[in-house]
Amino acid sequence: MRLFLLLFFATICLNLNAQSYKSEIKDFRADYKYKFLEEERSPLKDKKDIAKIRFFKPDEKYRVECRFLKEKEPTPFDMATYSGEVRQYQKYGTLYFRLDGKSQTLAVYQSLKLMESEEHGDYLFIPFKDGTIKEDLTYEGGRYMDMKISDFETEFVTIDFNKCYNPWCAYADGYSCPVPPKENKLRVSIFAGEKMYAGARIEE
């Protein structure tokens, strides 16, 4: 009887945690969509456009614990963009993790321009590509994740692909979106985060 009760309450706790996580992702995505209406330069101008943003269902499998190694002597480099411009970044460090039974790595970058900003000085950037591009499920130019320096205070860091998003280039021409470096091409498919935009792409 005691074992049954322990299993029963454990199941309840797991269900509550799952519901809480789904609620967290739902709130994150609602806020993400709302910001399109706030931003003056946004490619999506009204609620009809925003309604065509699509996501994979939240999946805690893609909330991954990683080992993080900080770059000892970061060197500035030019990161290409899809507009042909370049932007100055440096590698902040590397994430090591396993997904679908395979070892993976992701580089974490820091914008030299934003480092000078009081508001965004702690901003870190993870652009990546994965196997869903070949399946036409996600934007061919890759997807992004944002994090903060405060997320990297220990050797072990949790990243959440359910919060990855498309660059503005996925919706329209006229933007300078960083191209994910080759070292951030994952050897798995990430069925999480934002999907390919369902609306028509705006061309100049």
N, C-alpha and C. Protein backbone atom coordinates (compact mmCIF):
# COMPACT_ATOMS: atom_id res chain seq x y z
N MET A 1 0.83 -1.21 0.00
CA MET A 1 0.00 0.00 0.00
C MET A 1 0.87 1.27 0.00
N ARG A 2 1.94 1.25 0.83
CA ARG A 2 2.83 2.41 0.90
C ARG A 2 3.48 2.69 -0.44
N LEU A 3 3.93 1.59 -1.11
CA LEU A 3 4.56 1.76 -2.42
C LEU A 3 3.57 2.35 -3.42
N PHE A 4 2.33 1.88 -3.36
CA PHE A 4 1.29 2.39 -4.28
C PHE A 4 1.10 3.90 -4.08
N LEU A 5 1.04 4.33 -2.81
CA LEU A 5 0.85 5.75 -2.52
C LEU A 5 2.04 6.58 -3.00
N LEU A 6 3.25 6.05 -2.82
CA LEU A 6 4.44 6.76 -3.27
C LEU A 6 4.42 6.94 -4.79
N LEU A 7 4.05 5.87 -5.50
CA LEU A 7 3.97 5.94 -6.96
C LEU A 7 2.86 6.89 -7.41
N PHE A 8 1.76 6.85 -6.68
CA PHE A 8 0.61 7.70 -7.00
C PHE A 8 0.99 9.18 -6.89
N PHE A 9 1.61 9.54 -5.77
CA PHE A 9 1.98 10.94 -5.56
C PHE A 9 3.12 11.36 -6.48
N ALA A 10 4.00 10.43 -6.81
CA ALA A 10 5.08 10.73 -7.75
C ALA A 10 4.51 11.05 -9.12
N THR A 11 3.48 10.29 -9.53
CA THR A 11 2.82 10.53 -10.83
C THR A 11 2.15 11.89 -10.85
N ILE A 12 1.49 12.24 -9.73
CA ILE A 12 0.84 13.55 -9.64
C ILE A 12 1.87 14.67 -9.78
N CYS A 13 2.99 14.53 -9.09
CA CYS A 13 4.05 15.54 -9.15
C CYS A 13 4.60 15.71 -10.56
N LEU A 14 4.80 14.58 -11.25
CA LEU A 14 5.30 14.63 -12.62
C LEU A 14 4.31 15.35 -13.54
N ASN A 15 3.03 15.04 -13.36
CA ASN A 15 1.99 15.68 -14.19
C ASN A 15 1.92 17.18 -13.92
N LEU A 16 2.04 17.56 -12.65
CA LEU A 16 2.01 18.98 -12.30
C LEU A 16 3.21 19.72 -12.88
N ASN A 17 4.39 19.07 -12.81
CA ASN A 17 5.59 19.68 -13.38
C ASN A 17 5.47 19.86 -14.88
N ALA A 18 4.90 18.84 -15.55
CA ALA A 18 4.71 18.91 -17.00
C ALA A 18 3.76 20.04 -17.38
N GLN A 19 2.68 20.18 -16.62
CA GLN A 19 1.72 21.24 -16.89
C GLN A 19 2.34 22.61 -16.64
N SER A 20 3.13 22.71 -15.57
CA SER A 20 3.80 23.97 -15.25
C SER A 20 4.77 24.36 -16.36
N TYR A 21 5.50 23.37 -16.89
CA TYR A 21 6.46 23.64 -17.96
C TYR A 21 5.73 24.10 -19.23
N LYS A 22 4.65 23.43 -19.58
CA LYS A 22 3.88 23.82 -20.77
C LYS A 22 3.34 25.23 -20.62
N SER A 23 2.93 25.58 -19.41
CA SER A 23 2.43 26.93 -19.15
C SER A 23 3.55 27.96 -19.31
N GLU A 24 4.76 27.60 -18.85
CA GLU A 24 5.91 28.49 -19.00
C GLU A 24 6.21 28.77 -20.46
N ILE A 25 6.20 27.71 -21.28
CA ILE A 25 6.48 27.87 -22.71
C ILE A 25 5.36 28.65 -23.39
N LYS A 26 4.13 28.41 -23.00
CA LYS A 26 3.00 29.15 -23.56
C LYS A 26 3.15 30.64 -23.30
N ASP A 27 3.52 31.01 -22.07
CA ASP A 27 3.72 32.42 -21.72
C ASP A 27 4.89 33.02 -22.49
N PHE A 28 5.97 32.25 -22.62
CA PHE A 28 7.14 32.72 -23.36
C PHE A 28 6.77 33.03 -24.81
N ARG A 29 5.99 32.17 -25.43
CA ARG A 29 5.63 32.35 -26.84
C ARG A 29 4.64 33.50 -27.03
N ALA A 30 3.74 33.67 -26.07
CA ALA A 30 2.80 34.79 -26.14
C ALA A 30 3.54 36.12 -26.07
N ASP A 31 4.54 36.18 -25.20
CA ASP A 31 5.34 37.39 -25.06
C ASP A 31 6.19 37.62 -26.31
N TYR A 32 6.73 36.54 -26.87
CA TYR A 32 7.53 36.61 -28.10
C TYR A 32 6.71 37.21 -29.24
N LYS A 33 5.47 36.74 -29.41
CA LYS A 33 4.62 37.24 -30.50
C LYS A 33 4.21 38.70 -30.26
N TYR A 34 3.95 39.03 -29.01
CA TYR A 34 3.52 40.40 -28.69
C TYR A 34 4.62 41.41 -29.03
N LYS A 35 5.86 41.02 -28.89
CA LYS A 35 6.97 41.94 -29.14
C LYS A 35 7.06 42.36 -30.61
N PHE A 36 6.50 41.56 -31.51
CA PHE A 36 6.48 41.96 -32.91
C PHE A 36 5.66 43.24 -33.09
N LEU A 37 4.60 43.38 -32.32
CA LEU A 37 3.74 44.55 -32.42
C LEU A 37 4.37 45.77 -31.75
N GLU A 38 5.28 45.53 -30.83
CA GLU A 38 5.95 46.62 -30.12
C GLU A 38 7.11 47.21 -30.92
N GLU A 39 7.80 46.35 -31.67
CA GLU A 39 9.01 46.77 -32.38
C GLU A 39 8.66 47.56 -33.65
N GLU A 40 9.23 48.74 -33.76
CA GLU A 40 8.95 49.60 -34.91
C GLU A 40 9.44 48.98 -36.22
N ARG A 41 10.59 48.28 -36.16
CA ARG A 41 11.18 47.70 -37.38
C ARG A 41 10.70 46.27 -37.66
N SER A 42 9.73 45.81 -36.92
CA SER A 42 9.26 44.43 -37.05
C SER A 42 8.74 44.13 -38.46
N PRO A 43 9.04 42.94 -38.98
CA PRO A 43 8.53 42.55 -40.30
C PRO A 43 7.04 42.17 -40.26
N LEU A 44 6.52 41.87 -39.09
CA LEU A 44 5.12 41.47 -38.94
C LEU A 44 4.37 42.60 -38.24
N LYS A 45 3.40 43.18 -38.93
CA LYS A 45 2.81 44.43 -38.47
C LYS A 45 1.45 44.29 -37.79
N ASP A 46 0.77 43.18 -37.99
CA ASP A 46 -0.56 43.07 -37.38
C ASP A 46 -0.81 41.65 -36.88
N LYS A 47 -1.93 41.47 -36.19
CA LYS A 47 -2.24 40.21 -35.54
C LYS A 47 -2.49 39.09 -36.56
N LYS A 48 -2.92 39.44 -37.76
CA LYS A 48 -3.14 38.42 -38.80
C LYS A 48 -1.80 37.78 -39.21
N ASP A 49 -0.77 38.61 -39.30
CA ASP A 49 0.57 38.09 -39.63
C ASP A 49 1.09 37.22 -38.49
N ILE A 50 0.91 37.70 -37.28
CA ILE A 50 1.44 37.01 -36.11
C ILE A 50 0.74 35.66 -35.90
N ALA A 51 -0.52 35.57 -36.31
CA ALA A 51 -1.26 34.32 -36.17
C ALA A 51 -0.66 33.20 -37.03
N LYS A 52 0.20 33.56 -37.99
CA LYS A 52 0.82 32.57 -38.88
C LYS A 52 2.17 32.07 -38.37
N ILE A 53 2.59 32.57 -37.21
CA ILE A 53 3.79 32.03 -36.56
C ILE A 53 3.42 30.68 -35.96
N ARG A 54 4.25 29.67 -36.21
CA ARG A 54 3.94 28.32 -35.74
C ARG A 54 5.08 27.77 -34.89
N PHE A 55 4.71 26.88 -33.98
CA PHE A 55 5.69 26.25 -33.10
C PHE A 55 5.48 24.74 -33.02
N PHE A 56 6.54 24.01 -32.71
CA PHE A 56 6.40 22.62 -32.31
C PHE A 56 5.76 22.59 -30.92
N LYS A 57 5.13 21.48 -30.59
CA LYS A 57 4.58 21.33 -29.26
C LYS A 57 5.70 21.32 -28.23
N PRO A 58 5.48 21.91 -27.07
CA PRO A 58 6.53 21.89 -26.03
C PRO A 58 6.94 20.46 -25.70
N ASP A 59 8.24 20.23 -25.63
CA ASP A 59 8.77 18.89 -25.37
C ASP A 59 10.00 19.02 -24.47
N GLU A 60 9.88 18.53 -23.24
CA GLU A 60 10.97 18.67 -22.27
C GLU A 60 12.22 17.89 -22.67
N LYS A 61 12.08 17.01 -23.63
CA LYS A 61 13.28 16.32 -24.15
C LYS A 61 14.31 17.32 -24.66
N TYR A 62 13.81 18.46 -25.18
CA TYR A 62 14.70 19.45 -25.77
C TYR A 62 15.09 20.55 -24.78
N ARG A 63 14.84 20.30 -23.52
CA ARG A 63 15.38 21.13 -22.45
C ARG A 63 16.59 20.36 -21.91
N VAL A 64 17.77 20.76 -22.33
CA VAL A 64 18.96 19.91 -22.24
C VAL A 64 19.99 20.48 -21.25
N GLU A 65 20.51 19.60 -20.41
CA GLU A 65 21.61 20.01 -19.54
C GLU A 65 22.93 19.81 -20.27
N CYS A 66 23.77 20.83 -20.22
CA CYS A 66 25.04 20.81 -20.95
C CYS A 66 26.20 21.09 -20.01
N ARG A 67 27.36 20.63 -20.42
CA ARG A 67 28.60 21.04 -19.76
C ARG A 67 29.14 22.23 -20.53
N PHE A 68 29.54 23.26 -19.82
CA PHE A 68 29.99 24.49 -20.46
C PHE A 68 31.46 24.76 -20.16
N LEU A 69 32.20 25.05 -21.21
CA LEU A 69 33.60 25.47 -21.07
C LEU A 69 33.75 26.86 -21.65
N LYS A 70 34.16 27.79 -20.80
CA LYS A 70 34.32 29.18 -21.23
C LYS A 70 35.61 29.35 -22.02
N GLU A 71 35.54 30.18 -23.04
CA GLU A 71 36.72 30.47 -23.86
C GLU A 71 37.74 31.25 -23.03
N LYS A 72 38.98 30.78 -22.99
CA LYS A 72 39.99 31.41 -22.15
C LYS A 72 40.47 32.74 -22.74
N GLU A 73 40.70 32.74 -24.05
CA GLU A 73 41.17 33.96 -24.70
C GLU A 73 40.32 34.22 -25.94
N PRO A 74 39.11 34.78 -25.75
CA PRO A 74 38.22 35.01 -26.90
C PRO A 74 38.82 35.97 -27.92
N THR A 75 38.69 35.61 -29.18
CA THR A 75 39.23 36.42 -30.27
C THR A 75 38.09 36.97 -31.11
N PRO A 76 38.01 38.27 -31.33
CA PRO A 76 36.95 38.85 -32.17
C PRO A 76 37.03 38.30 -33.60
N PHE A 77 35.87 38.10 -34.21
CA PHE A 77 35.83 37.66 -35.60
C PHE A 77 34.59 38.24 -36.27
N ASP A 78 34.58 38.20 -37.59
CA ASP A 78 33.45 38.71 -38.37
C ASP A 78 32.46 37.58 -38.61
N MET A 79 31.24 37.73 -38.12
CA MET A 79 30.18 36.76 -38.40
C MET A 79 29.39 37.27 -39.60
N ALA A 80 29.26 36.44 -40.61
CA ALA A 80 28.54 36.82 -41.82
C ALA A 80 27.05 36.97 -41.54
N THR A 81 26.38 37.79 -42.35
CA THR A 81 24.92 37.91 -42.28
C THR A 81 24.35 37.64 -43.68
N TYR A 82 23.05 37.40 -43.73
CA TYR A 82 22.42 37.09 -45.01
C TYR A 82 22.28 38.31 -45.93
N SER A 83 22.54 39.49 -45.40
CA SER A 83 22.50 40.70 -46.23
C SER A 83 23.86 40.98 -46.87
N GLY A 84 24.88 40.23 -46.47
CA GLY A 84 26.23 40.45 -46.98
C GLY A 84 27.10 41.28 -46.04
N GLU A 85 26.49 41.87 -45.02
CA GLU A 85 27.27 42.61 -44.03
C GLU A 85 27.95 41.63 -43.08
N VAL A 86 28.83 42.15 -42.25
CA VAL A 86 29.44 41.32 -41.20
C VAL A 86 29.23 42.01 -39.86
N ARG A 87 29.22 41.22 -38.80
CA ARG A 87 29.09 41.76 -37.44
C ARG A 87 30.18 41.17 -36.57
N GLN A 88 30.67 41.96 -35.67
CA GLN A 88 31.76 41.55 -34.81
C GLN A 88 31.26 40.77 -33.59
N TYR A 89 31.76 39.55 -33.46
CA TYR A 89 31.43 38.70 -32.32
C TYR A 89 32.72 38.10 -31.76
N GLN A 90 32.63 37.52 -30.60
CA GLN A 90 33.67 36.66 -30.07
C GLN A 90 33.00 35.44 -29.45
N LYS A 91 33.73 34.33 -29.45
CA LYS A 91 33.17 33.12 -28.86
C LYS A 91 33.27 33.22 -27.33
N TYR A 92 32.13 33.07 -26.67
CA TYR A 92 32.11 33.14 -25.21
C TYR A 92 32.47 31.79 -24.59
N GLY A 93 32.11 30.71 -25.30
CA GLY A 93 32.41 29.38 -24.79
C GLY A 93 31.71 28.32 -25.61
N THR A 94 31.77 27.07 -25.15
CA THR A 94 31.20 25.94 -25.88
C THR A 94 30.36 25.08 -24.95
N LEU A 95 29.21 24.66 -25.45
CA LEU A 95 28.31 23.76 -24.73
C LEU A 95 28.49 22.34 -25.26
N TYR A 96 28.56 21.36 -24.36
CA TYR A 96 28.69 19.95 -24.71
C TYR A 96 27.49 19.20 -24.13
N PHE A 97 26.80 18.43 -24.98
CA PHE A 97 25.63 17.70 -24.50
C PHE A 97 25.33 16.51 -25.40
N ARG A 98 24.41 15.68 -24.97
CA ARG A 98 23.97 14.53 -25.76
C ARG A 98 22.49 14.68 -26.07
N LEU A 99 22.13 14.32 -27.31
CA LEU A 99 20.74 14.36 -27.73
C LEU A 99 20.53 13.25 -28.75
N ASP A 100 19.48 12.48 -28.56
CA ASP A 100 19.20 11.32 -29.41
C ASP A 100 20.40 10.37 -29.46
N GLY A 101 21.08 10.24 -28.32
CA GLY A 101 22.19 9.31 -28.22
C GLY A 101 23.48 9.78 -28.90
N LYS A 102 23.51 11.03 -29.36
CA LYS A 102 24.69 11.53 -30.05
C LYS A 102 25.29 12.72 -29.30
N SER A 103 26.61 12.78 -29.28
CA SER A 103 27.29 13.91 -28.66
C SER A 103 27.18 15.14 -29.57
N GLN A 104 26.87 16.28 -28.97
CA GLN A 104 26.69 17.50 -29.73
C GLN A 104 27.48 18.63 -29.08
N THR A 105 27.81 19.64 -29.87
CA THR A 105 28.43 20.86 -29.33
C THR A 105 27.76 22.08 -29.95
N LEU A 106 27.69 23.14 -29.18
CA LEU A 106 27.20 24.43 -29.67
C LEU A 106 28.10 25.53 -29.12
N ALA A 107 28.52 26.42 -30.01
CA ALA A 107 29.30 27.58 -29.57
C ALA A 107 28.34 28.68 -29.13
N VAL A 108 28.75 29.40 -28.10
CA VAL A 108 27.99 30.53 -27.58
C VAL A 108 28.78 31.79 -27.92
N TYR A 109 28.09 32.79 -28.50
CA TYR A 109 28.79 33.98 -28.98
C TYR A 109 28.35 35.23 -28.22
N GLN A 110 29.23 36.22 -28.26
CA GLN A 110 28.97 37.50 -27.61
C GLN A 110 29.21 38.62 -28.61
N SER A 111 28.23 39.49 -28.76
CA SER A 111 28.34 40.62 -29.69
C SER A 111 29.22 41.71 -29.10
N LEU A 112 30.25 42.13 -29.84
CA LEU A 112 31.12 43.19 -29.35
C LEU A 112 30.38 44.51 -29.23
N LYS A 113 29.43 44.73 -30.12
CA LYS A 113 28.64 45.97 -30.08
C LYS A 113 27.76 46.01 -28.83
N LEU A 114 27.09 44.88 -28.54
CA LEU A 114 26.19 44.86 -27.39
C LEU A 114 26.95 44.85 -26.07
N MET A 115 28.18 44.41 -26.09
CA MET A 115 29.00 44.43 -24.87
C MET A 115 29.14 45.85 -24.32
N GLU A 116 29.03 46.84 -25.22
CA GLU A 116 29.17 48.23 -24.82
C GLU A 116 27.85 48.82 -24.32
N SER A 117 26.77 48.05 -24.46
CA SER A 117 25.45 48.53 -24.07
C SER A 117 25.16 48.22 -22.60
N GLU A 118 24.67 49.23 -21.88
CA GLU A 118 24.32 49.01 -20.48
C GLU A 118 23.14 48.07 -20.35
N GLU A 119 22.20 48.16 -21.29
CA GLU A 119 20.98 47.36 -21.24
C GLU A 119 21.21 45.93 -21.69
N HIS A 120 22.06 45.72 -22.71
CA HIS A 120 22.23 44.40 -23.30
C HIS A 120 23.66 43.86 -23.17
N GLY A 121 24.42 44.39 -22.24
CA GLY A 121 25.82 43.97 -22.11
C GLY A 121 26.01 42.53 -21.69
N ASP A 122 24.97 41.93 -21.11
CA ASP A 122 25.07 40.52 -20.66
C ASP A 122 24.44 39.56 -21.66
N TYR A 123 24.16 40.03 -22.85
CA TYR A 123 23.47 39.23 -23.87
C TYR A 123 24.43 38.22 -24.53
N LEU A 124 23.98 36.99 -24.65
CA LEU A 124 24.73 35.95 -25.36
C LEU A 124 23.84 35.34 -26.44
N PHE A 125 24.46 34.81 -27.47
CA PHE A 125 23.75 34.47 -28.71
C PHE A 125 24.15 33.07 -29.18
N ILE A 126 23.15 32.24 -29.48
CA ILE A 126 23.41 30.88 -29.97
C ILE A 126 22.62 30.67 -31.27
N PRO A 127 23.23 30.94 -32.42
CA PRO A 127 22.60 30.62 -33.71
C PRO A 127 22.94 29.19 -34.10
N PHE A 128 22.00 28.47 -34.71
CA PHE A 128 22.30 27.08 -35.08
C PHE A 128 21.44 26.63 -36.26
N LYS A 129 21.89 25.57 -36.89
CA LYS A 129 21.10 24.86 -37.90
C LYS A 129 20.99 23.40 -37.46
N ASP A 130 19.94 22.72 -37.94
CA ASP A 130 19.75 21.31 -37.58
C ASP A 130 19.02 20.58 -38.70
N GLY A 131 18.75 19.31 -38.49
CA GLY A 131 18.19 18.47 -39.54
C GLY A 131 16.78 18.81 -39.98
N THR A 132 16.03 19.59 -39.21
CA THR A 132 14.66 19.93 -39.61
C THR A 132 14.63 20.81 -40.85
N ILE A 133 15.74 21.46 -41.16
CA ILE A 133 15.81 22.30 -42.36
C ILE A 133 15.60 21.44 -43.61
N LYS A 134 16.24 20.26 -43.65
CA LYS A 134 16.12 19.38 -44.80
C LYS A 134 14.71 18.83 -44.96
N GLU A 135 13.96 18.83 -43.88
CA GLU A 135 12.58 18.33 -43.91
C GLU A 135 11.58 19.45 -44.16
N ASP A 136 12.10 20.66 -44.46
CA ASP A 136 11.27 21.84 -44.71
C ASP A 136 10.33 22.16 -43.56
N LEU A 137 10.77 21.86 -42.35
CA LEU A 137 9.96 22.16 -41.17
C LEU A 137 10.35 23.49 -40.54
N THR A 138 11.59 23.89 -40.76
CA THR A 138 12.09 25.12 -40.16
C THR A 138 12.82 25.96 -41.20
N TYR A 139 13.05 27.21 -40.86
CA TYR A 139 13.68 28.17 -41.77
C TYR A 139 15.09 27.72 -42.15
N GLU A 140 15.36 27.76 -43.45
CA GLU A 140 16.63 27.25 -43.97
C GLU A 140 17.84 28.06 -43.49
N GLY A 141 17.59 29.28 -43.07
CA GLY A 141 18.68 30.12 -42.59
C GLY A 141 19.07 29.85 -41.14
N GLY A 142 18.39 28.89 -40.49
CA GLY A 142 18.71 28.55 -39.12
C GLY A 142 17.82 29.25 -38.12
N ARG A 143 18.04 28.94 -36.86
CA ARG A 143 17.27 29.54 -35.77
C ARG A 143 18.21 30.02 -34.68
N TYR A 144 17.67 30.81 -33.76
CA TYR A 144 18.49 31.45 -32.73
C TYR A 144 17.96 31.12 -31.33
N MET A 145 18.87 31.20 -30.36
CA MET A 145 18.51 31.21 -28.95
C MET A 145 19.26 32.36 -28.28
N ASP A 146 18.60 33.00 -27.32
CA ASP A 146 19.22 34.07 -26.54
C ASP A 146 19.42 33.60 -25.11
N MET A 147 20.55 33.96 -24.53
CA MET A 147 20.81 33.67 -23.12
C MET A 147 21.56 34.85 -22.51
N LYS A 148 21.84 34.77 -21.22
CA LYS A 148 22.56 35.82 -20.53
C LYS A 148 23.79 35.25 -19.83
N ILE A 149 24.75 36.12 -19.57
CA ILE A 149 25.97 35.70 -18.87
C ILE A 149 25.62 35.05 -17.54
N SER A 150 24.60 35.55 -16.88
CA SER A 150 24.19 35.00 -15.58
C SER A 150 23.72 33.55 -15.68
N ASP A 151 23.37 33.09 -16.89
CA ASP A 151 22.97 31.68 -17.09
C ASP A 151 24.18 30.75 -17.09
N PHE A 152 25.39 31.31 -17.14
CA PHE A 152 26.60 30.52 -17.32
C PHE A 152 27.55 30.65 -16.12
N GLU A 153 26.99 30.72 -14.95
CA GLU A 153 27.82 30.91 -13.76
C GLU A 153 28.44 29.62 -13.23
N THR A 154 27.94 28.47 -13.69
CA THR A 154 28.50 27.20 -13.25
C THR A 154 28.93 26.38 -14.46
N GLU A 155 29.54 25.25 -14.19
CA GLU A 155 30.02 24.38 -15.28
C GLU A 155 28.88 23.74 -16.04
N PHE A 156 27.72 23.60 -15.38
CA PHE A 156 26.58 22.96 -16.03
C PHE A 156 25.48 23.96 -16.29
N VAL A 157 25.00 23.97 -17.53
CA VAL A 157 24.05 24.96 -18.01
C VAL A 157 22.88 24.25 -18.69
N THR A 158 21.68 24.74 -18.49
CA THR A 158 20.51 24.19 -19.17
C THR A 158 20.11 25.11 -20.32
N ILE A 159 19.98 24.53 -21.51
CA ILE A 159 19.47 25.27 -22.66
C ILE A 159 18.12 24.68 -23.05
N ASP A 160 17.26 25.50 -23.61
CA ASP A 160 15.90 25.05 -23.94
C ASP A 160 15.59 25.37 -25.39
N PHE A 161 15.64 24.35 -26.24
CA PHE A 161 15.35 24.54 -27.66
C PHE A 161 13.88 24.89 -27.90
N ASN A 162 13.01 24.66 -26.92
CA ASN A 162 11.61 25.05 -27.05
C ASN A 162 11.47 26.57 -27.15
N LYS A 163 12.53 27.30 -26.79
CA LYS A 163 12.51 28.76 -26.84
C LYS A 163 13.30 29.32 -28.01
N CYS A 164 13.72 28.47 -28.93
CA CYS A 164 14.45 28.99 -30.09
C CYS A 164 13.46 29.63 -31.07
N TYR A 165 13.96 30.58 -31.85
CA TYR A 165 13.08 31.39 -32.70
C TYR A 165 13.74 31.67 -34.04
N ASN A 166 12.93 32.17 -34.98
CA ASN A 166 13.42 32.51 -36.31
C ASN A 166 14.01 33.92 -36.34
N PRO A 167 15.03 34.12 -37.17
CA PRO A 167 15.48 35.49 -37.43
C PRO A 167 14.44 36.21 -38.28
N TRP A 168 14.49 37.53 -38.27
CA TRP A 168 13.51 38.29 -39.06
C TRP A 168 13.63 38.02 -40.56
N CYS A 169 14.78 37.55 -41.00
CA CYS A 169 14.95 37.21 -42.42
C CYS A 169 14.00 36.09 -42.86
N ALA A 170 13.47 35.35 -41.91
CA ALA A 170 12.52 34.28 -42.24
C ALA A 170 11.18 34.84 -42.70
N TYR A 171 10.93 36.11 -42.38
CA TYR A 171 9.64 36.72 -42.71
C TYR A 171 9.71 37.72 -43.85
N ALA A 172 10.88 38.35 -44.02
CA ALA A 172 10.96 39.43 -45.01
C ALA A 172 12.41 39.72 -45.40
N ASP A 173 12.58 40.32 -46.57
CA ASP A 173 13.87 40.84 -46.99
C ASP A 173 14.17 42.12 -46.22
N GLY A 174 15.41 42.57 -46.34
CA GLY A 174 15.76 43.88 -45.80
C GLY A 174 16.36 43.86 -44.41
N TYR A 175 16.66 42.67 -43.90
CA TYR A 175 17.24 42.56 -42.56
C TYR A 175 18.63 41.92 -42.65
N SER A 176 19.45 42.23 -41.66
CA SER A 176 20.82 41.72 -41.63
C SER A 176 20.92 40.67 -40.52
N CYS A 177 20.62 39.42 -40.87
CA CYS A 177 20.54 38.34 -39.89
C CYS A 177 21.81 37.50 -39.91
N PRO A 178 22.44 37.28 -38.76
CA PRO A 178 23.66 36.47 -38.72
C PRO A 178 23.47 35.05 -39.26
N VAL A 179 24.46 34.58 -39.99
CA VAL A 179 24.48 33.21 -40.51
C VAL A 179 25.11 32.31 -39.44
N PRO A 180 24.42 31.26 -39.00
CA PRO A 180 25.03 30.36 -38.01
C PRO A 180 26.35 29.80 -38.51
N PRO A 181 27.44 29.97 -37.78
CA PRO A 181 28.73 29.40 -38.20
C PRO A 181 28.66 27.87 -38.34
N LYS A 182 29.57 27.33 -39.14
CA LYS A 182 29.57 25.88 -39.42
C LYS A 182 29.67 25.04 -38.16
N GLU A 183 30.38 25.55 -37.15
CA GLU A 183 30.54 24.78 -35.92
C GLU A 183 29.22 24.61 -35.16
N ASN A 184 28.19 25.36 -35.55
CA ASN A 184 26.89 25.25 -34.89
C ASN A 184 25.84 24.57 -35.78
N LYS A 185 26.32 23.67 -36.61
CA LYS A 185 25.41 22.83 -37.40
C LYS A 185 25.25 21.50 -36.67
N LEU A 186 24.09 21.28 -36.07
CA LEU A 186 23.85 20.07 -35.27
C LEU A 186 23.58 18.86 -36.16
N ARG A 187 24.00 17.71 -35.67
CA ARG A 187 23.85 16.47 -36.42
C ARG A 187 22.56 15.72 -36.03
N VAL A 188 21.60 16.44 -35.54
CA VAL A 188 20.30 15.87 -35.18
C VAL A 188 19.22 16.85 -35.62
N SER A 189 17.97 16.38 -35.56
CA SER A 189 16.83 17.25 -35.85
C SER A 189 16.23 17.73 -34.54
N ILE A 190 16.02 19.04 -34.45
CA ILE A 190 15.47 19.64 -33.24
C ILE A 190 13.99 19.95 -33.49
N PHE A 191 13.12 19.03 -33.07
CA PHE A 191 11.69 19.22 -33.25
C PHE A 191 11.13 20.03 -32.09
N ALA A 192 11.61 21.25 -31.98
CA ALA A 192 11.24 22.13 -30.87
C ALA A 192 11.40 23.57 -31.31
N GLY A 193 10.70 24.46 -30.63
CA GLY A 193 10.81 25.87 -30.95
C GLY A 193 9.97 26.27 -32.14
N GLU A 194 10.40 27.34 -32.80
CA GLU A 194 9.61 27.90 -33.90
C GLU A 194 9.79 27.12 -35.20
N LYS A 195 8.68 26.94 -35.90
CA LYS A 195 8.67 26.28 -37.21
C LYS A 195 8.80 27.31 -38.33
N MET A 196 8.74 26.81 -39.55
CA MET A 196 8.72 27.68 -40.72
C MET A 196 7.48 28.58 -40.66
N TYR A 197 7.64 29.84 -41.00
CA TYR A 197 6.53 30.78 -40.99
C TYR A 197 5.49 30.36 -42.03
N ALA A 198 4.21 30.38 -41.65
CA ALA A 198 3.14 29.89 -42.52
C ALA A 198 2.64 30.96 -43.49
N GLY A 199 3.03 32.21 -43.27
CA GLY A 199 2.60 33.28 -44.17
C GLY A 199 3.54 33.45 -45.34
N ALA A 200 3.16 34.36 -46.24
CA ALA A 200 4.00 34.67 -47.40
C ALA A 200 5.17 35.55 -46.98
N ARG A 201 6.36 35.21 -47.44
CA ARG A 201 7.55 36.02 -47.12
C ARG A 201 7.51 37.31 -47.91
N ILE A 202 7.79 38.42 -47.25
CA ILE A 202 7.75 39.74 -47.89
C ILE A 202 9.07 39.99 -48.60
N GLU A 203 8.98 40.25 -49.91
CA GLU A 203 10.18 40.47 -50.72
C GLU A 203 10.25 41.93 -51.15
N GLU A 204 11.47 42.44 -51.24
CA GLU A 204 11.65 43.84 -51.64
C GLU A 204 11.37 44.03 -53.12
